[in-house]
Amino acid sequence: AEINEKGVCFFVDWRGAGFKNFNPKLVKMLLSTVREIMPIRMKAIYHVGQPSFFSVVWAVLSPLLGSKLRSRVHLLGGLEQLAPVAPAESLPQDLGGNLPMNADISADMLSKL
């Protein structure tokens, strides 16, 4: 109940990503999930380390989102900009936090794309 009251924040780490490994299927799946499937309150989506082409992708995709969801998307740039929005105990080590990253889950999700 508390999650639905306060909402959930998502963190998207684009570091190391480039156009060659950009997957439109993943974007479509994520948009569909966020807009139609997830029965939770989305508080924010924070993007860090986004590649230079992301501004073009965002310009194309953002009009497809409702204004409420679009206002919850934040393009931060570097990891240092996460500190004001999320405490270290809420972030995985990959994003400068204290939580371990479960590589098995990430690898399993990517293999299904």
PDB file of N, CA and C in Angstrom:
ATOM      1  N   ALA A   1       0.825  -1.192   0.000  1.00  0.00           N
ATOM      2  CA  ALA A   1       0.000   0.000   0.000  1.00  0.00           C
ATOM      3  C   ALA A   1       0.868   1.255   0.000  1.00  0.00           C
ATOM      4  N   GLU A   2       1.974   1.221   0.759  1.00  0.00           N
ATOM      5  CA  GLU A   2       2.836   2.393   0.822  1.00  0.00           C
ATOM      6  C   GLU A   2       3.456   2.702  -0.536  1.00  0.00           C
ATOM      7  N   ILE A   3       3.795   1.659  -1.292  1.00  0.00           N
ATOM      8  CA  ILE A   3       4.382   1.870  -2.623  1.00  0.00           C
ATOM      9  C   ILE A   3       3.396   2.587  -3.529  1.00  0.00           C
ATOM     10  N   ASN A   4       2.137   2.190  -3.484  1.00  0.00           N
ATOM     11  CA  ASN A   4       1.148   2.839  -4.342  1.00  0.00           C
ATOM     12  C   ASN A   4       0.846   4.261  -3.893  1.00  0.00           C
ATOM     13  N   GLU A   5       1.043   4.564  -2.612  1.00  0.00           N
ATOM     14  CA  GLU A   5       0.837   5.928  -2.141  1.00  0.00           C
ATOM     15  C   GLU A   5       1.983   6.843  -2.564  1.00  0.00           C
ATOM     16  N   LYS A   6       3.208   6.377  -2.334  1.00  0.00           N
ATOM     17  CA  LYS A   6       4.382   7.211  -2.607  1.00  0.00           C
ATOM     18  C   LYS A   6       4.891   7.074  -4.028  1.00  0.00           C
ATOM     19  N   GLY A   7       4.725   5.927  -4.631  1.00  0.00           N
ATOM     20  CA  GLY A   7       5.180   5.700  -5.990  1.00  0.00           C
ATOM     21  C   GLY A   7       6.546   5.035  -6.048  1.00  0.00           C
ATOM     22  N   VAL A   8       6.897   4.577  -7.238  1.00  0.00           N
ATOM     23  CA  VAL A   8       8.144   3.862  -7.485  1.00  0.00           C
ATOM     24  C   VAL A   8       9.006   4.690  -8.434  1.00  0.00           C
ATOM     25  N   CYS A   9      10.304   4.746  -8.134  1.00  0.00           N
ATOM     26  CA  CYS A   9      11.259   5.420  -9.017  1.00  0.00           C
ATOM     27  C   CYS A   9      12.050   4.367  -9.775  1.00  0.00           C
ATOM     28  N   PHE A  10      12.240   4.605 -11.051  1.00  0.00           N
ATOM     29  CA  PHE A  10      13.067   3.739 -11.886  1.00  0.00           C
ATOM     30  C   PHE A  10      14.320   4.506 -12.271  1.00  0.00           C
ATOM     31  N   PHE A  11      15.432   3.764 -12.360  1.00  0.00           N
ATOM     32  CA  PHE A  11      16.705   4.353 -12.746  1.00  0.00           C
ATOM     33  C   PHE A  11      17.214   3.606 -13.965  1.00  0.00           C
ATOM     34  N   VAL A  12      17.466   4.331 -15.048  1.00  0.00           N
ATOM     35  CA  VAL A  12      17.940   3.730 -16.297  1.00  0.00           C
ATOM     36  C   VAL A  12      19.380   4.176 -16.502  1.00  0.00           C
ATOM     37  N   ASP A  13      20.268   3.196 -16.520  1.00  0.00           N
ATOM     38  CA  ASP A  13      21.692   3.466 -16.673  1.00  0.00           C
ATOM     39  C   ASP A  13      22.091   3.238 -18.130  1.00  0.00           C
ATOM     40  N   TRP A  14      22.390   4.313 -18.832  1.00  0.00           N
ATOM     41  CA  TRP A  14      22.739   4.251 -20.245  1.00  0.00           C
ATOM     42  C   TRP A  14      24.242   4.189 -20.470  1.00  0.00           C
ATOM     43  N   ARG A  15      25.032   4.218 -19.400  1.00  0.00           N
ATOM     44  CA  ARG A  15      26.490   4.226 -19.576  1.00  0.00           C
ATOM     45  C   ARG A  15      26.924   2.997 -20.367  1.00  0.00           C
ATOM     46  N   GLY A  16      27.752   3.213 -21.350  1.00  0.00           N
ATOM     47  CA  GLY A  16      28.246   2.127 -22.188  1.00  0.00           C
ATOM     48  C   GLY A  16      27.325   1.785 -23.347  1.00  0.00           C
ATOM     49  N   ALA A  17      26.143   2.380 -23.376  1.00  0.00           N
ATOM     50  CA  ALA A  17      25.206   2.109 -24.470  1.00  0.00           C
ATOM     51  C   ALA A  17      25.533   3.003 -25.655  1.00  0.00           C
ATOM     52  N   GLY A  18      25.269   2.487 -26.811  1.00  0.00           N
ATOM     53  CA  GLY A  18      25.469   3.251 -28.031  1.00  0.00           C
ATOM     54  C   GLY A  18      24.393   2.885 -29.030  1.00  0.00           C
ATOM     55  N   PHE A  19      24.411   3.530 -30.165  1.00  0.00           N
ATOM     56  CA  PHE A  19      23.386   3.262 -31.168  1.00  0.00           C
ATOM     57  C   PHE A  19      23.431   1.812 -31.634  1.00  0.00           C
ATOM     58  N   LYS A  20      24.630   1.222 -31.682  1.00  0.00           N
ATOM     59  CA  LYS A  20      24.751  -0.152 -32.174  1.00  0.00           C
ATOM     60  C   LYS A  20      24.056  -1.162 -31.274  1.00  0.00           C
ATOM     61  N   ASN A  21      23.913  -0.861 -29.983  1.00  0.00           N
ATOM     62  CA  ASN A  21      23.203  -1.796 -29.114  1.00  0.00           C
ATOM     63  C   ASN A  21      21.862  -1.254 -28.634  1.00  0.00           C
ATOM     64  N   PHE A  22      21.348  -0.246 -29.330  1.00  0.00           N
ATOM     65  CA  PHE A  22      20.016   0.280 -29.051  1.00  0.00           C
ATOM     66  C   PHE A  22      18.985  -0.688 -29.627  1.00  0.00           C
ATOM     67  N   ASN A  23      18.020  -1.068 -28.831  1.00  0.00           N
ATOM     68  CA  ASN A  23      17.042  -2.065 -29.242  1.00  0.00           C
ATOM     69  C   ASN A  23      15.635  -1.464 -29.233  1.00  0.00           C
ATOM     70  N   PRO A  24      15.071  -1.156 -30.397  1.00  0.00           N
ATOM     71  CA  PRO A  24      13.720  -0.580 -30.443  1.00  0.00           C
ATOM     72  C   PRO A  24      12.668  -1.492 -29.801  1.00  0.00           C
ATOM     73  N   LYS A  25      12.875  -2.816 -29.852  1.00  0.00           N
ATOM     74  CA  LYS A  25      11.930  -3.735 -29.209  1.00  0.00           C
ATOM     75  C   LYS A  25      11.885  -3.507 -27.700  1.00  0.00           C
ATOM     76  N   LEU A  26      13.038  -3.246 -27.121  1.00  0.00           N
ATOM     77  CA  LEU A  26      13.099  -2.986 -25.689  1.00  0.00           C
ATOM     78  C   LEU A  26      12.346  -1.701 -25.352  1.00  0.00           C
ATOM     79  N   VAL A  27      12.542  -0.673 -26.145  1.00  0.00           N
ATOM     80  CA  VAL A  27      11.846   0.594 -25.914  1.00  0.00           C
ATOM     81  C   VAL A  27      10.340   0.386 -26.005  1.00  0.00           C
ATOM     82  N   LYS A  28       9.905  -0.328 -27.024  1.00  0.00           N
ATOM     83  CA  LYS A  28       8.474  -0.592 -27.191  1.00  0.00           C
ATOM     84  C   LYS A  28       7.923  -1.380 -26.005  1.00  0.00           C
ATOM     85  N   MET A  29       8.669  -2.399 -25.561  1.00  0.00           N
ATOM     86  CA  MET A  29       8.236  -3.207 -24.427  1.00  0.00           C
ATOM     87  C   MET A  29       8.147  -2.358 -23.154  1.00  0.00           C
ATOM     88  N   LEU A  30       9.142  -1.522 -22.924  1.00  0.00           N
ATOM     89  CA  LEU A  30       9.142  -0.688 -21.736  1.00  0.00           C
ATOM     90  C   LEU A  30       8.000   0.319 -21.757  1.00  0.00           C
ATOM     91  N   LEU A  31       7.782   0.953 -22.897  1.00  0.00           N
ATOM     92  CA  LEU A  31       6.682   1.909 -23.003  1.00  0.00           C
ATOM     93  C   LEU A  31       5.339   1.234 -22.760  1.00  0.00           C
ATOM     94  N   SER A  32       5.151   0.084 -23.349  1.00  0.00           N
ATOM     95  CA  SER A  32       3.911  -0.659 -23.165  1.00  0.00           C
ATOM     96  C   SER A  32       3.726  -1.043 -21.703  1.00  0.00           C
ATOM     97  N   THR A  33       4.780  -1.516 -21.081  1.00  0.00           N
ATOM     98  CA  THR A  33       4.715  -1.918 -19.676  1.00  0.00           C
ATOM     99  C   THR A  33       4.371  -0.734 -18.786  1.00  0.00           C
ATOM    100  N   VAL A  34       5.056   0.366 -18.986  1.00  0.00           N
ATOM    101  CA  VAL A  34       4.841   1.547 -18.156  1.00  0.00           C
ATOM    102  C   VAL A  34       3.445   2.123 -18.357  1.00  0.00           C
ATOM    103  N   ARG A  35       2.986   2.176 -19.574  1.00  0.00           N
ATOM    104  CA  ARG A  35       1.704   2.820 -19.872  1.00  0.00           C
ATOM    105  C   ARG A  35       0.494   1.953 -19.583  1.00  0.00           C
ATOM    106  N   GLU A  36       0.610   0.631 -19.771  1.00  0.00           N
ATOM    107  CA  GLU A  36      -0.590  -0.188 -19.770  1.00  0.00           C
ATOM    108  C   GLU A  36      -0.620  -1.326 -18.762  1.00  0.00           C
ATOM    109  N   ILE A  37       0.521  -1.843 -18.369  1.00  0.00           N
ATOM    110  CA  ILE A  37       0.531  -3.089 -17.610  1.00  0.00           C
ATOM    111  C   ILE A  37       0.793  -2.892 -16.118  1.00  0.00           C
ATOM    112  N   MET A  38       1.698  -2.002 -15.771  1.00  0.00           N
ATOM    113  CA  MET A  38       2.141  -1.901 -14.386  1.00  0.00           C
ATOM    114  C   MET A  38       1.068  -1.285 -13.491  1.00  0.00           C
ATOM    115  N   PRO A  39       0.610  -2.045 -12.489  1.00  0.00           N
ATOM    116  CA  PRO A  39      -0.428  -1.527 -11.586  1.00  0.00           C
ATOM    117  C   PRO A  39       0.172  -0.775 -10.398  1.00  0.00           C
ATOM    118  N   ILE A  40       1.163   0.076 -10.667  1.00  0.00           N
ATOM    119  CA  ILE A  40       1.799   0.825  -9.599  1.00  0.00           C
ATOM    120  C   ILE A  40       1.828   2.290  -9.977  1.00  0.00           C
ATOM    121  N   ARG A  41       2.029   3.113  -8.986  1.00  0.00           N
ATOM    122  CA  ARG A  41       2.164   4.544  -9.224  1.00  0.00           C
ATOM    123  C   ARG A  41       3.626   4.836  -9.562  1.00  0.00           C
ATOM    124  N   MET A  42       3.835   5.374 -10.724  1.00  0.00           N
ATOM    125  CA  MET A  42       5.174   5.726 -11.182  1.00  0.00           C
ATOM    126  C   MET A  42       5.496   7.136 -10.677  1.00  0.00           C
ATOM    127  N   LYS A  43       6.456   7.225  -9.782  1.00  0.00           N
ATOM    128  CA  LYS A  43       6.845   8.532  -9.269  1.00  0.00           C
ATOM    129  C   LYS A  43       7.799   9.233 -10.225  1.00  0.00           C
ATOM    130  N   ALA A  44       8.797   8.484 -10.723  1.00  0.00           N
ATOM    131  CA  ALA A  44       9.784   9.095 -11.613  1.00  0.00           C
ATOM    132  C   ALA A  44      10.605   8.032 -12.322  1.00  0.00           C
ATOM    133  N   ILE A  45      11.151   8.433 -13.475  1.00  0.00           N
ATOM    134  CA  ILE A  45      12.123   7.615 -14.201  1.00  0.00           C
ATOM    135  C   ILE A  45      13.338   8.510 -14.418  1.00  0.00           C
ATOM    136  N   TYR A  46      14.456   8.121 -13.819  1.00  0.00           N
ATOM    137  CA  TYR A  46      15.689   8.894 -13.923  1.00  0.00           C
ATOM    138  C   TYR A  46      16.632   8.200 -14.893  1.00  0.00           C
ATOM    139  N   HIS A  47      17.080   8.935 -15.893  1.00  0.00           N
ATOM    140  CA  HIS A  47      18.039   8.424 -16.877  1.00  0.00           C
ATOM    141  C   HIS A  47      19.405   9.035 -16.575  1.00  0.00           C
ATOM    142  N   VAL A  48      20.437   8.191 -16.545  1.00  0.00           N
ATOM    143  CA  VAL A  48      21.802   8.681 -16.336  1.00  0.00           C
ATOM    144  C   VAL A  48      22.711   8.144 -17.433  1.00  0.00           C
ATOM    145  N   GLY A  49      23.687   8.952 -17.813  1.00  0.00           N
ATOM    146  CA  GLY A  49      24.687   8.527 -18.792  1.00  0.00           C
ATOM    147  C   GLY A  49      24.135   8.265 -20.174  1.00  0.00           C
ATOM    148  N   GLN A  50      23.058   8.940 -20.540  1.00  0.00           N
ATOM    149  CA  GLN A  50      22.453   8.675 -21.840  1.00  0.00           C
ATOM    150  C   GLN A  50      23.381   9.123 -22.982  1.00  0.00           C
ATOM    151  N   PRO A  51      23.441   8.307 -24.054  1.00  0.00           N
ATOM    152  CA  PRO A  51      24.298   8.648 -25.199  1.00  0.00           C
ATOM    153  C   PRO A  51      23.750   9.848 -25.960  1.00  0.00           C
ATOM    154  N   SER A  52      24.575  10.407 -26.826  1.00  0.00           N
ATOM    155  CA  SER A  52      24.194  11.630 -27.541  1.00  0.00           C
ATOM    156  C   SER A  52      22.954  11.445 -28.414  1.00  0.00           C
ATOM    157  N   PHE A  53      22.737  10.252 -28.979  1.00  0.00           N
ATOM    158  CA  PHE A  53      21.572  10.055 -29.836  1.00  0.00           C
ATOM    159  C   PHE A  53      20.262  10.014 -29.046  1.00  0.00           C
ATOM    160  N   PHE A  54      20.356   9.896 -27.727  1.00  0.00           N
ATOM    161  CA  PHE A  54      19.148   9.769 -26.913  1.00  0.00           C
ATOM    162  C   PHE A  54      18.241  10.991 -27.030  1.00  0.00           C
ATOM    163  N   SER A  55      18.810  12.157 -27.222  1.00  0.00           N
ATOM    164  CA  SER A  55      17.980  13.360 -27.340  1.00  0.00           C
ATOM    165  C   SER A  55      17.057  13.266 -28.556  1.00  0.00           C
ATOM    166  N   VAL A  56      17.533  12.648 -29.632  1.00  0.00           N
ATOM    167  CA  VAL A  56      16.695  12.456 -30.820  1.00  0.00           C
ATOM    168  C   VAL A  56      15.595  11.436 -30.529  1.00  0.00           C
ATOM    169  N   VAL A  57      15.980  10.329 -29.885  1.00  0.00           N
ATOM    170  CA  VAL A  57      15.001   9.291 -29.531  1.00  0.00           C
ATOM    171  C   VAL A  57      13.944   9.873 -28.601  1.00  0.00           C
ATOM    172  N   TRP A  58      14.358  10.651 -27.609  1.00  0.00           N
ATOM    173  CA  TRP A  58      13.425  11.251 -26.662  1.00  0.00           C
ATOM    174  C   TRP A  58      12.481  12.227 -27.380  1.00  0.00           C
ATOM    175  N   ALA A  59      13.007  12.982 -28.317  1.00  0.00           N
ATOM    176  CA  ALA A  59      12.166  13.926 -29.062  1.00  0.00           C
ATOM    177  C   ALA A  59      11.074  13.194 -29.842  1.00  0.00           C
ATOM    178  N   VAL A  60      11.369  11.996 -30.330  1.00  0.00           N
ATOM    179  CA  VAL A  60      10.391  11.209 -31.076  1.00  0.00           C
ATOM    180  C   VAL A  60       9.408  10.519 -30.124  1.00  0.00           C
ATOM    181  N   LEU A  61       9.914   9.953 -29.031  1.00  0.00           N
ATOM    182  CA  LEU A  61       9.073   9.162 -28.136  1.00  0.00           C
ATOM    183  C   LEU A  61       8.240   9.981 -27.153  1.00  0.00           C
ATOM    184  N   SER A  62       8.755  11.089 -26.697  1.00  0.00           N
ATOM    185  CA  SER A  62       8.055  11.835 -25.646  1.00  0.00           C
ATOM    186  C   SER A  62       6.633  12.264 -26.023  1.00  0.00           C
ATOM    187  N   PRO A  63       6.358  12.644 -27.279  1.00  0.00           N
ATOM    188  CA  PRO A  63       4.967  12.993 -27.602  1.00  0.00           C
ATOM    189  C   PRO A  63       4.002  11.802 -27.502  1.00  0.00           C
ATOM    190  N   LEU A  64       4.534  10.568 -27.529  1.00  0.00           N
ATOM    191  CA  LEU A  64       3.683   9.385 -27.418  1.00  0.00           C
ATOM    192  C   LEU A  64       3.254   9.126 -25.980  1.00  0.00           C
ATOM    193  N   LEU A  65       3.909   9.776 -25.043  1.00  0.00           N
ATOM    194  CA  LEU A  65       3.577   9.617 -23.633  1.00  0.00           C
ATOM    195  C   LEU A  65       2.598  10.696 -23.202  1.00  0.00           C
ATOM    196  N   GLY A  66       1.796  10.382 -22.218  1.00  0.00           N
ATOM    197  CA  GLY A  66       0.918  11.392 -21.658  1.00  0.00           C
ATOM    198  C   GLY A  66       1.737  12.456 -20.944  1.00  0.00           C
ATOM    199  N   SER A  67       1.169  13.622 -20.761  1.00  0.00           N
ATOM    200  CA  SER A  67       1.917  14.718 -20.133  1.00  0.00           C
ATOM    201  C   SER A  67       2.312  14.382 -18.698  1.00  0.00           C
ATOM    202  N   LYS A  68       1.483  13.635 -17.996  1.00  0.00           N
ATOM    203  CA  LYS A  68       1.801  13.261 -16.615  1.00  0.00           C
ATOM    204  C   LYS A  68       3.039  12.367 -16.561  1.00  0.00           C
ATOM    205  N   LEU A  69       3.074  11.343 -17.415  1.00  0.00           N
ATOM    206  CA  LEU A  69       4.226  10.448 -17.450  1.00  0.00           C
ATOM    207  C   LEU A  69       5.461  11.190 -17.958  1.00  0.00           C
ATOM    208  N   ARG A  70       5.279  12.011 -18.975  1.00  0.00           N
ATOM    209  CA  ARG A  70       6.405  12.772 -19.546  1.00  0.00           C
ATOM    210  C   ARG A  70       7.039  13.679 -18.479  1.00  0.00           C
ATOM    211  N   SER A  71       6.220  14.236 -17.592  1.00  0.00           N
ATOM    212  CA  SER A  71       6.754  15.114 -16.540  1.00  0.00           C
ATOM    213  C   SER A  71       7.532  14.341 -15.484  1.00  0.00           C
ATOM    214  N   ARG A  72       7.375  13.031 -15.465  1.00  0.00           N
ATOM    215  CA  ARG A  72       8.070  12.207 -14.478  1.00  0.00           C
ATOM    216  C   ARG A  72       9.380  11.624 -15.000  1.00  0.00           C
ATOM    217  N   VAL A  73       9.699  11.900 -16.246  1.00  0.00           N
ATOM    218  CA  VAL A  73      10.949  11.432 -16.843  1.00  0.00           C
ATOM    219  C   VAL A  73      11.995  12.528 -16.670  1.00  0.00           C
ATOM    220  N   HIS A  74      13.146  12.148 -16.101  1.00  0.00           N
ATOM    221  CA  HIS A  74      14.212  13.107 -15.823  1.00  0.00           C
ATOM    222  C   HIS A  74      15.509  12.631 -16.467  1.00  0.00           C
ATOM    223  N   LEU A  75      16.082  13.466 -17.318  1.00  0.00           N
ATOM    224  CA  LEU A  75      17.353  13.160 -17.975  1.00  0.00           C
ATOM    225  C   LEU A  75      18.451  13.852 -17.185  1.00  0.00           C
ATOM    226  N   LEU A  76      19.190  13.069 -16.403  1.00  0.00           N
ATOM    227  CA  LEU A  76      20.154  13.645 -15.472  1.00  0.00           C
ATOM    228  C   LEU A  76      21.548  13.824 -16.039  1.00  0.00           C
ATOM    229  N   GLY A  77      21.982  12.953 -16.901  1.00  0.00           N
ATOM    230  CA  GLY A  77      23.356  13.030 -17.383  1.00  0.00           C
ATOM    231  C   GLY A  77      24.259  12.102 -16.596  1.00  0.00           C
ATOM    232  N   GLY A  78      25.018  12.624 -15.638  1.00  0.00           N
ATOM    233  CA  GLY A  78      25.998  11.826 -14.898  1.00  0.00           C
ATOM    234  C   GLY A  78      25.483  11.268 -13.584  1.00  0.00           C
ATOM    235  N   LEU A  79      26.205  10.271 -13.070  1.00  0.00           N
ATOM    236  CA  LEU A  79      25.844   9.630 -11.804  1.00  0.00           C
ATOM    237  C   LEU A  79      25.821  10.595 -10.635  1.00  0.00           C
ATOM    238  N   GLU A  80      26.680  11.595 -10.667  1.00  0.00           N
ATOM    239  CA  GLU A  80      26.735  12.546  -9.554  1.00  0.00           C
ATOM    240  C   GLU A  80      25.408  13.280  -9.363  1.00  0.00           C
ATOM    241  N   GLN A  81      24.586  13.311 -10.387  1.00  0.00           N
ATOM    242  CA  GLN A  81      23.301  13.989 -10.283  1.00  0.00           C
ATOM    243  C   GLN A  81      22.227  13.121  -9.632  1.00  0.00           C
ATOM    244  N   LEU A  82      22.542  11.847  -9.357  1.00  0.00           N
ATOM    245  CA  LEU A  82      21.596  10.974  -8.661  1.00  0.00           C
ATOM    246  C   LEU A  82      21.543  11.247  -7.162  1.00  0.00           C
ATOM    247  N   ALA A  83      22.650  11.669  -6.576  1.00  0.00           N
ATOM    248  CA  ALA A  83      22.728  11.854  -5.122  1.00  0.00           C
ATOM    249  C   ALA A  83      21.596  12.702  -4.550  1.00  0.00           C
ATOM    250  N   PRO A  84      21.221  13.802  -5.182  1.00  0.00           N
ATOM    251  CA  PRO A  84      20.132  14.609  -4.609  1.00  0.00           C
ATOM    252  C   PRO A  84      18.753  13.943  -4.687  1.00  0.00           C
ATOM    253  N   VAL A  85      18.576  12.969  -5.574  1.00  0.00           N
ATOM    254  CA  VAL A  85      17.239  12.382  -5.748  1.00  0.00           C
ATOM    255  C   VAL A  85      17.081  11.011  -5.112  1.00  0.00           C
ATOM    256  N   ALA A  86      18.190  10.331  -4.772  1.00  0.00           N
ATOM    257  CA  ALA A  86      18.093   8.997  -4.192  1.00  0.00           C
ATOM    258  C   ALA A  86      19.266   8.745  -3.248  1.00  0.00           C
ATOM    259  N   PRO A  87      18.970   8.308  -2.021  1.00  0.00           N
ATOM    260  CA  PRO A  87      20.061   7.996  -1.095  1.00  0.00           C
ATOM    261  C   PRO A  87      20.823   6.745  -1.529  1.00  0.00           C
ATOM    262  N   ALA A  88      22.067   6.638  -1.127  1.00  0.00           N
ATOM    263  CA  ALA A  88      22.923   5.511  -1.515  1.00  0.00           C
ATOM    264  C   ALA A  88      22.326   4.164  -1.125  1.00  0.00           C
ATOM    265  N   GLU A  89      21.580   4.093  -0.025  1.00  0.00           N
ATOM    266  CA  GLU A  89      20.993   2.819   0.395  1.00  0.00           C
ATOM    267  C   GLU A  89      19.825   2.386  -0.488  1.00  0.00           C
ATOM    268  N   SER A  90      19.426   3.240  -1.417  1.00  0.00           N
ATOM    269  CA  SER A  90      18.344   2.905  -2.344  1.00  0.00           C
ATOM    270  C   SER A  90      18.833   2.568  -3.739  1.00  0.00           C
ATOM    271  N   LEU A  91      20.136   2.692  -3.974  1.00  0.00           N
ATOM    272  CA  LEU A  91      20.696   2.492  -5.308  1.00  0.00           C
ATOM    273  C   LEU A  91      21.649   1.299  -5.333  1.00  0.00           C
ATOM    274  N   PRO A  92      21.705   0.589  -6.477  1.00  0.00           N
ATOM    275  CA  PRO A  92      22.699  -0.486  -6.611  1.00  0.00           C
ATOM    276  C   PRO A  92      24.110   0.103  -6.717  1.00  0.00           C
ATOM    277  N   GLN A  93      25.085  -0.724  -6.456  1.00  0.00           N
ATOM    278  CA  GLN A  93      26.485  -0.286  -6.511  1.00  0.00           C
ATOM    279  C   GLN A  93      26.843   0.281  -7.878  1.00  0.00           C
ATOM    280  N   ASP A  94      26.257  -0.255  -8.931  1.00  0.00           N
ATOM    281  CA  ASP A  94      26.536   0.233 -10.291  1.00  0.00           C
ATOM    282  C   ASP A  94      26.178   1.706 -10.464  1.00  0.00           C
ATOM    283  N   LEU A  95      25.245   2.187  -9.644  1.00  0.00           N
ATOM    284  CA  LEU A  95      24.823   3.580  -9.739  1.00  0.00           C
ATOM    285  C   LEU A  95      25.355   4.420  -8.586  1.00  0.00           C
ATOM    286  N   GLY A  96      26.393   3.906  -7.918  1.00  0.00           N
ATOM    287  CA  GLY A  96      27.008   4.655  -6.834  1.00  0.00           C
ATOM    288  C   GLY A  96      26.368   4.432  -5.483  1.00  0.00           C
ATOM    289  N   GLY A  97      25.513   3.425  -5.373  1.00  0.00           N
ATOM    290  CA  GLY A  97      24.840   3.141  -4.108  1.00  0.00           C
ATOM    291  C   GLY A  97      25.459   1.989  -3.359  1.00  0.00           C
ATOM    292  N   ASN A  98      24.720   1.485  -2.385  1.00  0.00           N
ATOM    293  CA  ASN A  98      25.204   0.417  -1.513  1.00  0.00           C
ATOM    294  C   ASN A  98      24.600  -0.948  -1.811  1.00  0.00           C
ATOM    295  N   LEU A  99      23.579  -1.030  -2.651  1.00  0.00           N
ATOM    296  CA  LEU A  99      22.903  -2.299  -2.909  1.00  0.00           C
ATOM    297  C   LEU A  99      23.656  -3.124  -3.950  1.00  0.00           C
ATOM    298  N   PRO A 100      23.742  -4.446  -3.750  1.00  0.00           N
ATOM    299  CA  PRO A 100      24.386  -5.291  -4.774  1.00  0.00           C
ATOM    300  C   PRO A 100      23.491  -5.379  -6.014  1.00  0.00           C
ATOM    301  N   MET A 101      24.107  -5.613  -7.151  1.00  0.00           N
ATOM    302  CA  MET A 101      23.374  -5.769  -8.409  1.00  0.00           C
ATOM    303  C   MET A 101      23.215  -7.250  -8.686  1.00  0.00           C
ATOM    304  N   ASN A 102      22.007  -7.659  -9.021  1.00  0.00           N
ATOM    305  CA  ASN A 102      21.759  -9.057  -9.322  1.00  0.00           C
ATOM    306  C   ASN A 102      21.926  -9.268 -10.820  1.00  0.00           C
ATOM    307  N   ALA A 103      23.122  -9.649 -11.234  1.00  0.00           N
ATOM    308  CA  ALA A 103      23.448  -9.811 -12.650  1.00  0.00           C
ATOM    309  C   ALA A 103      22.649 -10.927 -13.298  1.00  0.00           C
ATOM    310  N   ASP A 104      22.287 -11.952 -12.531  1.00  0.00           N
ATOM    311  CA  ASP A 104      21.518 -13.056 -13.100  1.00  0.00           C
ATOM    312  C   ASP A 104      20.164 -12.588 -13.604  1.00  0.00           C
ATOM    313  N   ILE A 105      19.499 -11.741 -12.848  1.00  0.00           N
ATOM    314  CA  ILE A 105      18.193 -11.213 -13.255  1.00  0.00           C
ATOM    315  C   ILE A 105      18.353 -10.364 -14.512  1.00  0.00           C
ATOM    316  N   SER A 106      19.342  -9.480 -14.539  1.00  0.00           N
ATOM    317  CA  SER A 106      19.554  -8.621 -15.693  1.00  0.00           C
ATOM    318  C   SER A 106      19.857  -9.426 -16.943  1.00  0.00           C
ATOM    319  N   ALA A 107      20.725 -10.426 -16.830  1.00  0.00           N
ATOM    320  CA  ALA A 107      21.088 -11.256 -17.980  1.00  0.00           C
ATOM    321  C   ALA A 107      19.873 -12.036 -18.476  1.00  0.00           C
ATOM    322  N   ASP A 108      19.065 -12.530 -17.566  1.00  0.00           N
ATOM    323  CA  ASP A 108      17.862 -13.277 -17.954  1.00  0.00           C
ATOM    324  C   ASP A 108      16.884 -12.378 -18.704  1.00  0.00           C
ATOM    325  N   MET A 109      16.684 -11.168 -18.231  1.00  0.00           N
ATOM    326  CA  MET A 109      15.766 -10.233 -18.908  1.00  0.00           C
ATOM    327  C   MET A 109      16.271  -9.910 -20.305  1.00  0.00           C
ATOM    328  N   LEU A 110      17.554  -9.641 -20.432  1.00  0.00           N
ATOM    329  CA  LEU A 110      18.113  -9.282 -21.744  1.00  0.00           C
ATOM    330  C   LEU A 110      18.035 -10.439 -22.726  1.00  0.00           C
ATOM    331  N   SER A 111      18.176 -11.663 -22.248  1.00  0.00           N
ATOM    332  CA  SER A 111      18.141 -12.830 -23.148  1.00  0.00           C
ATOM    333  C   SER A 111      16.760 -13.042 -23.739  1.00  0.00           C
ATOM    334  N   LYS A 112      15.723 -12.498 -23.128  1.00  0.00           N
ATOM    335  CA  LYS A 112      14.350 -12.703 -23.598  1.00  0.00           C
ATOM    336  C   LYS A 112      13.926 -11.675 -24.652  1.00  0.00           C
ATOM    337  N   LEU A 113      14.792 -10.719 -24.947  1.00  0.00           N
ATOM    338  CA  LEU A 113      14.443  -9.692 -25.946  1.00  0.00           C
ATOM    339  C   LEU A 113      14.618 -10.210 -27.351  1.00  0.00           C
TER     340      LEU A 113
END
